[in-house]
C-alpha atoms as a PDB file:
ATOM      1  CA  UNK A   1     113.762  51.690  48.270  1.00  0.00           C
ATOM      2  CA  UNK A   2     113.448  50.956  45.003  1.00  0.00           C
ATOM      3  CA  UNK A   3     114.858  47.656  43.954  1.00  0.00           C
ATOM      4  CA  UNK A   4     118.132  47.888  41.951  1.00  0.00           C
ATOM      5  CA  UNK A   5     118.053  45.181  39.045  1.00  0.00           C
ATOM      6  CA  UNK A   6     120.999  43.517  37.679  1.00  0.00           C
ATOM      7  CA  UNK A   7     121.267  42.130  33.876  1.00  0.00           C
ATOM      8  CA  UNK A   8     122.471  38.412  33.221  1.00  0.00           C
ATOM      9  CA  UNK A   9     121.961  35.648  30.935  1.00  0.00           C
ATOM     10  CA  UNK A  10     120.438  31.886  30.596  1.00  0.00           C
ATOM     11  CA  UNK A  11     120.833  29.214  28.021  1.00  0.00           C
ATOM     12  CA  UNK A  12     118.485  27.228  27.732  1.00  0.00           C
ATOM     13  CA  UNK A  13     117.382  24.286  25.186  1.00  0.00           C
ATOM     14  CA  UNK A  14     113.948  24.552  23.916  1.00  0.00           C
ATOM     15  CA  UNK A  15     111.784  22.593  25.963  1.00  0.00           C
ATOM     16  CA  UNK A  16     110.136  24.806  28.594  1.00  0.00           C
ATOM     17  CA  UNK A  17     110.913  28.339  26.577  1.00  0.00           C
ATOM     18  CA  UNK A  18     107.116  28.860  26.256  1.00  0.00           C
ATOM     19  CA  UNK A  19     106.511  28.157  29.831  1.00  0.00           C
ATOM     20  CA  UNK A  20     108.968  30.428  30.820  1.00  0.00           C
ATOM     21  CA  UNK A  21     108.153  33.200  28.799  1.00  0.00           C
ATOM     22  CA  UNK A  22     104.446  32.297  29.679  1.00  0.00           C
ATOM     23  CA  UNK A  23     104.951  32.860  33.186  1.00  0.00           C
ATOM     24  CA  UNK A  24     107.740  35.051  33.618  1.00  0.00           C
ATOM     25  CA  UNK A  25     109.667  32.432  35.637  1.00  0.00           C
ATOM     26  CA  UNK A  26     112.488  30.210  36.226  1.00  0.00           C
ATOM     27  CA  UNK A  27     113.032  26.628  37.747  1.00  0.00           C
ATOM     28  CA  UNK A  28     115.135  26.260  40.493  1.00  0.00           C
ATOM     29  CA  UNK A  29     117.659  23.331  40.645  1.00  0.00           C
ATOM     30  CA  UNK A  30     118.527  21.752  43.893  1.00  0.00           C
ATOM     31  CA  UNK A  31     122.157  20.627  42.656  1.00  0.00           C
ATOM     32  CA  UNK A  32     121.641  16.626  42.069  1.00  0.00           C
ATOM     33  CA  UNK A  33     121.929  17.015  38.660  1.00  0.00           C
ATOM     34  CA  UNK A  34     124.179  19.704  38.129  1.00  0.00           C
ATOM     35  CA  UNK A  35     127.239  18.606  35.606  1.00  0.00           C
ATOM     36  CA  UNK A  36     129.809  18.820  38.289  1.00  0.00           C
ATOM     37  CA  UNK A  37     128.967  15.889  40.839  1.00  0.00           C
ATOM     38  CA  UNK A  38     131.226  17.423  43.380  1.00  0.00           C
ATOM     39  CA  UNK A  39     129.142  20.954  43.985  1.00  0.00           C
ATOM     40  CA  UNK A  40     126.954  21.637  46.241  1.00  0.00           C
ATOM     41  CA  UNK A  41     128.634  18.657  48.405  1.00  0.00           C
ATOM     42  CA  UNK A  42     130.866  18.640  51.592  1.00  0.00           C
ATOM     43  CA  UNK A  43     133.199  15.737  52.330  1.00  0.00           C
ATOM     44  CA  UNK A  44     133.919  13.912  56.046  1.00  0.00           C
ATOM     45  CA  UNK A  45     137.857  13.106  55.732  1.00  0.00           C
ATOM     46  CA  UNK A  46     137.434  10.846  58.594  1.00  0.00           C
ATOM     47  CA  UNK A  47     134.559   8.925  57.693  1.00  0.00           C
ATOM     48  CA  UNK A  48     135.259   8.894  53.619  1.00  0.00           C
ATOM     49  CA  UNK A  49     131.742  10.307  52.877  1.00  0.00           C
ATOM     50  CA  UNK A  50     130.602  12.630  50.475  1.00  0.00           C
ATOM     51  CA  UNK A  51     127.551  14.144  51.285  1.00  0.00           C
ATOM     52  CA  UNK A  52     125.216  16.523  48.908  1.00  0.00           C
ATOM     53  CA  UNK A  53     123.572  19.420  50.495  1.00  0.00           C
ATOM     54  CA  UNK A  54     119.690  19.230  50.855  1.00  0.00           C
ATOM     55  CA  UNK A  55     117.528  21.909  50.599  1.00  0.00           C
ATOM     56  CA  UNK A  56     118.686  24.695  48.505  1.00  0.00           C
ATOM     57  CA  UNK A  57     117.179  26.015  45.571  1.00  0.00           C
ATOM     58  CA  UNK A  58     119.648  27.532  43.056  1.00  0.00           C
ATOM     59  CA  UNK A  59     119.450  29.798  39.647  1.00  0.00           C
ATOM     60  CA  UNK A  60     122.448  29.831  37.757  1.00  0.00           C
ATOM     61  CA  UNK A  61     123.344  32.573  35.162  1.00  0.00           C
ATOM     62  CA  UNK A  62     125.882  33.903  33.672  1.00  0.00           C
ATOM     63  CA  UNK A  63     127.421  37.681  32.295  1.00  0.00           C
ATOM     64  CA  UNK A  64     127.200  37.049  28.499  1.00  0.00           C
ATOM     65  CA  UNK A  65     124.939  36.160  25.662  1.00  0.00           C
ATOM     66  CA  UNK A  66     128.573  35.127  23.350  1.00  0.00           C
ATOM     67  CA  UNK A  67     129.947  32.341  25.077  1.00  0.00           C
ATOM     68  CA  UNK A  68     130.811  29.845  22.690  1.00  0.00           C
ATOM     69  CA  UNK A  69     131.171  27.077  24.678  1.00  0.00           C
ATOM     70  CA  UNK A  70     128.365  27.162  26.872  1.00  0.00           C
ATOM     71  CA  UNK A  71     126.089  27.807  23.755  1.00  0.00           C
ATOM     72  CA  UNK A  72     127.216  24.243  22.625  1.00  0.00           C
ATOM     73  CA  UNK A  73     126.983  22.392  26.451  1.00  0.00           C
ATOM     74  CA  UNK A  74     123.517  23.992  27.659  1.00  0.00           C
ATOM     75  CA  UNK A  75     121.703  24.653  24.256  1.00  0.00           C
ATOM     76  CA  UNK A  76     121.951  21.560  22.224  1.00  0.00           C
ATOM     77  CA  UNK A  77     124.691  22.564  19.674  1.00  0.00           C
ATOM     78  CA  UNK A  78     123.144  26.106  19.309  1.00  0.00           C
ATOM     79  CA  UNK A  79     119.475  24.971  18.679  1.00  0.00           C
ATOM     80  CA  UNK A  80     118.561  26.448  22.183  1.00  0.00           C
ATOM     81  CA  UNK A  81     118.285  30.017  23.001  1.00  0.00           C
ATOM     82  CA  UNK A  82     119.904  32.449  25.587  1.00  0.00           C
ATOM     83  CA  UNK A  83     117.362  34.847  27.870  1.00  0.00           C
ATOM     84  CA  UNK A  84     118.181  38.291  28.990  1.00  0.00           C
ATOM     85  CA  UNK A  85     117.207  37.742  32.814  1.00  0.00           C
ATOM     86  CA  UNK A  86     116.859  40.757  35.061  1.00  0.00           C
ATOM     87  CA  UNK A  87     117.047  39.659  38.905  1.00  0.00           C
ATOM     88  CA  UNK A  88     117.559  42.068  42.208  1.00  0.00           C
ATOM     89  CA  UNK A  89     121.307  42.391  42.504  1.00  0.00           C
ATOM     90  CA  UNK A  90     120.655  41.990  46.338  1.00  0.00           C
ATOM     91  CA  UNK A  91     120.057  38.555  45.700  1.00  0.00           C
ATOM     92  CA  UNK A  92     122.828  37.485  43.266  1.00  0.00           C
ATOM     93  CA  UNK A  93     126.367  36.608  43.926  1.00  0.00           C
ATOM     94  CA  UNK A  94     129.331  35.354  41.709  1.00  0.00           C
ATOM     95  CA  UNK A  95     130.916  31.884  41.986  1.00  0.00           C
ATOM     96  CA  UNK A  96     134.299  31.321  43.879  1.00  0.00           C
ATOM     97  CA  UNK A  97     136.222  29.036  41.485  1.00  0.00           C
ATOM     98  CA  UNK A  98     139.182  27.396  43.807  1.00  0.00           C
ATOM     99  CA  UNK A  99     141.029  23.871  43.674  1.00  0.00           C
ATOM    100  CA  UNK A 100     140.022  23.828  47.247  1.00  0.00           C
ATOM    101  CA  UNK A 101     137.263  21.307  48.373  1.00  0.00           C
ATOM    102  CA  UNK A 102     135.077  21.514  50.890  1.00  0.00           C
ATOM    103  CA  UNK A 103     135.435  19.637  53.979  1.00  0.00           C
ATOM    104  CA  UNK A 104     133.551  19.541  57.307  1.00  0.00           C
ATOM    105  CA  UNK A 105     136.662  20.938  58.783  1.00  0.00           C
ATOM    106  CA  UNK A 106     137.116  23.863  55.887  1.00  0.00           C
ATOM    107  CA  UNK A 107     136.873  27.891  56.404  1.00  0.00           C
ATOM    108  CA  UNK A 108     134.474  28.350  54.105  1.00  0.00           C
ATOM    109  CA  UNK A 109     135.169  31.930  54.509  1.00  0.00           C
ATOM    110  CA  UNK A 110     138.902  31.523  53.763  1.00  0.00           C
ATOM    111  CA  UNK A 111     138.219  29.535  50.664  1.00  0.00           C
ATOM    112  CA  UNK A 112     135.528  31.957  49.472  1.00  0.00           C
ATOM    113  CA  UNK A 113     137.959  35.009  50.114  1.00  0.00           C
ATOM    114  CA  UNK A 114     140.795  33.370  48.165  1.00  0.00           C
ATOM    115  CA  UNK A 115     139.359  31.930  45.401  1.00  0.00           C
ATOM    116  CA  UNK A 116     139.168  33.346  41.995  1.00  0.00           C
ATOM    117  CA  UNK A 117     135.821  35.798  41.656  1.00  0.00           C
ATOM    118  CA  UNK A 118     135.371  36.934  37.882  1.00  0.00           C
ATOM    119  CA  UNK A 119     132.562  39.388  38.711  1.00  0.00           C
ATOM    120  CA  UNK A 120     130.804  42.380  37.403  1.00  0.00           C
ATOM    121  CA  UNK A 121     131.892  45.460  39.895  1.00  0.00           C
ATOM    122  CA  UNK A 122     127.874  46.077  40.492  1.00  0.00           C
ATOM    123  CA  UNK A 123     127.305  42.194  41.672  1.00  0.00           C
ATOM    124  CA  UNK A 124     130.611  42.010  43.570  1.00  0.00           C
ATOM    125  CA  UNK A 125     129.787  41.805  47.381  1.00  0.00           C
ATOM    126  CA  UNK A 126     130.812  39.882  50.708  1.00  0.00           C
ATOM    127  CA  UNK A 127     129.711  36.465  51.057  1.00  0.00           C
ATOM    128  CA  UNK A 128     129.405  37.319  54.976  1.00  0.00           C
ATOM    129  CA  UNK A 129     125.557  37.819  55.265  1.00  0.00           C
ATOM    130  CA  UNK A 130     124.959  34.321  53.855  1.00  0.00           C
ATOM    131  CA  UNK A 131     124.312  30.841  55.509  1.00  0.00           C
ATOM    132  CA  UNK A 132     127.143  28.563  55.419  1.00  0.00           C
ATOM    133  CA  UNK A 133     125.082  26.189  53.495  1.00  0.00           C
ATOM    134  CA  UNK A 134     124.235  28.916  50.788  1.00  0.00           C
ATOM    135  CA  UNK A 135     127.751  29.908  50.996  1.00  0.00           C
ATOM    136  CA  UNK A 136     129.147  26.192  49.522  1.00  0.00           C
ATOM    137  CA  UNK A 137     126.706  26.791  46.399  1.00  0.00           C
ATOM    138  CA  UNK A 138     129.020  29.406  45.634  1.00  0.00           C
ATOM    139  CA  UNK A 139     132.390  27.788  45.352  1.00  0.00           C
ATOM    140  CA  UNK A 140     133.528  25.376  42.085  1.00  0.00           C
ATOM    141  CA  UNK A 141     136.026  23.625  40.749  1.00  0.00           C
ATOM    142  CA  UNK A 142     138.502  26.255  38.772  1.00  0.00           C
ATOM    143  CA  UNK A 143     137.541  24.298  35.469  1.00  0.00           C
ATOM    144  CA  UNK A 144     134.626  25.536  35.064  1.00  0.00           C
ATOM    145  CA  UNK A 145     135.696  29.343  35.091  1.00  0.00           C
ATOM    146  CA  UNK A 146     134.490  29.766  31.217  1.00  0.00           C
ATOM    147  CA  UNK A 147     131.175  29.850  32.611  1.00  0.00           C
ATOM    148  CA  UNK A 148     131.770  33.159  34.492  1.00  0.00           C
ATOM    149  CA  UNK A 149     128.786  31.928  36.679  1.00  0.00           C
ATOM    150  CA  UNK A 150     126.243  33.707  38.677  1.00  0.00           C
ATOM    151  CA  UNK A 151     124.028  32.373  41.513  1.00  0.00           C
ATOM    152  CA  UNK A 152     120.404  33.303  43.330  1.00  0.00           C
ATOM    153  CA  UNK A 153     120.488  30.754  46.002  1.00  0.00           C
ATOM    154  CA  UNK A 154     117.141  30.168  48.237  1.00  0.00           C
ATOM    155  CA  UNK A 155     116.874  27.674  51.468  1.00  0.00           C
ATOM    156  CA  UNK A 156     113.679  26.828  53.248  1.00  0.00           C
ATOM    157  CA  UNK A 157     113.229  30.202  54.964  1.00  0.00           C
ATOM    158  CA  UNK A 158     112.822  31.830  51.037  1.00  0.00           C
ATOM    159  CA  UNK A 159     110.323  29.425  50.315  1.00  0.00           C
ATOM    160  CA  UNK A 160     107.537  31.625  50.879  1.00  0.00           C
ATOM    161  CA  UNK A 161     108.524  33.872  48.015  1.00  0.00           C
ATOM    162  CA  UNK A 162     108.703  31.512  45.446  1.00  0.00           C
ATOM    163  CA  UNK A 163     106.618  29.354  43.228  1.00  0.00           C
ATOM    164  CA  UNK A 164     105.895  25.773  44.343  1.00  0.00           C
ATOM    165  CA  UNK A 165     104.404  23.264  41.523  1.00  0.00           C
ATOM    166  CA  UNK A 166     104.329  19.845  40.486  1.00  0.00           C
ATOM    167  CA  UNK A 167     107.166  19.177  42.835  1.00  0.00           C
ATOM    168  CA  UNK A 168     109.220  21.911  41.656  1.00  0.00           C
ATOM    169  CA  UNK A 169     110.382  25.069  42.333  1.00  0.00           C
ATOM    170  CA  UNK A 170     110.658  28.362  40.474  1.00  0.00           C
ATOM    171  CA  UNK A 171     111.447  31.942  40.699  1.00  0.00           C
ATOM    172  CA  UNK A 172     109.703  35.003  39.132  1.00  0.00           C
ATOM    173  CA  UNK A 173     112.030  37.348  36.719  1.00  0.00           C
ATOM    174  CA  UNK A 174     112.099  39.902  34.573  1.00  0.00           C
ATOM    175  CA  UNK A 175     112.935  38.022  30.530  1.00  0.00           C
ATOM    176  CA  UNK A 176     113.434  41.204  28.152  1.00  0.00           C
ATOM    177  CA  UNK A 177     115.446  39.737  25.253  1.00  0.00           C
ATOM    178  CA  UNK A 178     115.799  36.193  23.839  1.00  0.00           C
ATOM    179  CA  UNK A 179     118.959  35.433  21.586  1.00  0.00           C
ATOM    180  CA  UNK A 180     118.080  32.704  18.897  1.00  0.00           C
ATOM    181  CA  UNK A 181     121.206  30.304  18.635  1.00  0.00           C
ATOM    182  CA  UNK A 182     123.082  30.129  14.799  1.00  0.00           C
ATOM    183  CA  UNK A 183     121.275  26.622  14.383  1.00  0.00           C
ATOM    184  CA  UNK A 184     117.697  27.622  15.795  1.00  0.00           C
ATOM    185  CA  UNK A 185     116.640  27.512  12.315  1.00  0.00           C
ATOM    186  CA  UNK A 186     117.207  23.564  12.523  1.00  0.00           C
ATOM    187  CA  UNK A 187     114.527  23.304  14.947  1.00  0.00           C
ATOM    188  CA  UNK A 188     111.055  22.423  13.390  1.00  0.00           C
ATOM    189  CA  UNK A 189     108.478  24.617  12.510  1.00  0.00           C
ATOM    190  CA  UNK A 190     106.330  24.270  14.934  1.00  0.00           C
ATOM    191  CA  UNK A 191     108.670  24.648  17.537  1.00  0.00           C
ATOM    192  CA  UNK A 192     110.104  27.636  15.788  1.00  0.00           C
ATOM    193  CA  UNK A 193     106.301  29.013  15.390  1.00  0.00           C
ATOM    194  CA  UNK A 194     105.452  28.472  19.339  1.00  0.00           C
ATOM    195  CA  UNK A 195     108.444  30.356  20.210  1.00  0.00           C
ATOM    196  CA  UNK A 196     108.685  33.487  17.742  1.00  0.00           C
ATOM    197  CA  UNK A 197     104.491  33.461  19.246  1.00  0.00           C
ATOM    198  CA  UNK A 198     105.620  33.499  23.007  1.00  0.00           C
ATOM    199  CA  UNK A 199     107.917  35.851  22.720  1.00  0.00           C
ATOM    200  CA  UNK A 200     105.902  38.566  20.676  1.00  0.00           C
ATOM    201  CA  UNK A 201     102.664  38.374  23.458  1.00  0.00           C
ATOM    202  CA  UNK A 202     104.985  38.684  26.266  1.00  0.00           C
ATOM    203  CA  UNK A 203     106.784  41.647  24.747  1.00  0.00           C
ATOM    204  CA  UNK A 204     110.555  39.948  24.427  1.00  0.00           C
ATOM    205  CA  UNK A 205     113.024  41.267  22.063  1.00  0.00           C
ATOM    206  CA  UNK A 206     113.993  38.731  19.384  1.00  0.00           C
ATOM    207  CA  UNK A 207     117.591  38.351  18.515  1.00  0.00           C
ATOM    208  CA  UNK A 208     119.113  36.074  15.967  1.00  0.00           C
ATOM    209  CA  UNK A 209     122.835  34.841  16.953  1.00  0.00           C
ATOM    210  CA  UNK A 210     124.756  33.997  13.670  1.00  0.00           C
ATOM    211  CA  UNK A 211     128.780  33.283  13.028  1.00  0.00           C
ATOM    212  CA  UNK A 212     130.988  36.131  13.070  1.00  0.00           C
ATOM    213  CA  UNK A 213     133.060  36.692   9.741  1.00  0.00           C
ATOM    214  CA  UNK A 214     136.121  37.659  11.348  1.00  0.00           C
ATOM    215  CA  UNK A 215     137.228  35.177  13.563  1.00  0.00           C
ATOM    216  CA  UNK A 216     135.896  32.299  15.959  1.00  0.00           C
ATOM    217  CA  UNK A 217     133.245  34.504  17.709  1.00  0.00           C
ATOM    218  CA  UNK A 218     129.692  35.033  17.509  1.00  0.00           C
ATOM    219  CA  UNK A 219     127.778  38.186  17.158  1.00  0.00           C
ATOM    220  CA  UNK A 220     124.156  39.577  16.796  1.00  0.00           C
ATOM    221  CA  UNK A 221     122.699  39.652  13.124  1.00  0.00           C
ATOM    222  CA  UNK A 222     122.280  43.119  11.902  1.00  0.00           C
END
């Protein structure tokens, strides 16, 4: 059966772009350095302890290349880029946004069923086949809803299909397009030249983002 692909987006600063494009892979985060320290944690109310869930490898994506807040927060004030990423539909799930914390006695399925899920129809699916630890990786505070986040989450059972190098985990992906931030031109010439050349040798389409003339939005330069 042919693989069904889903198109999503990854906002990144410029430090690793050349390597990402040349190696066709993205870094998988363990969640320890996520912006929200409550993520990927489980709380024991009796013991008054909060533990981070170990052993997960997480790729965070979103559904738009025009999210102004994400451009500001993840690309060094629009100096970075946004990548168009194609991932197997079967691997990607939308984030469930909720005000409920995850406790040792929580009903995880209920949290996922009652939380706010902002998802493309093509990606909407049941979380029931996932392990309990993976399910927790899709639960996030409602305050982050503006990110419209999707995730691909792996654990130790999935590691044979991943790439491990220099103490870090990576997943192979298809990258078809790169959107340059509105302040991309403020980078030094050497950095800009390296990225443009990396795009050309990997057949990645380059698109420049600019400020809209009509409202407080971003648009593609025509």
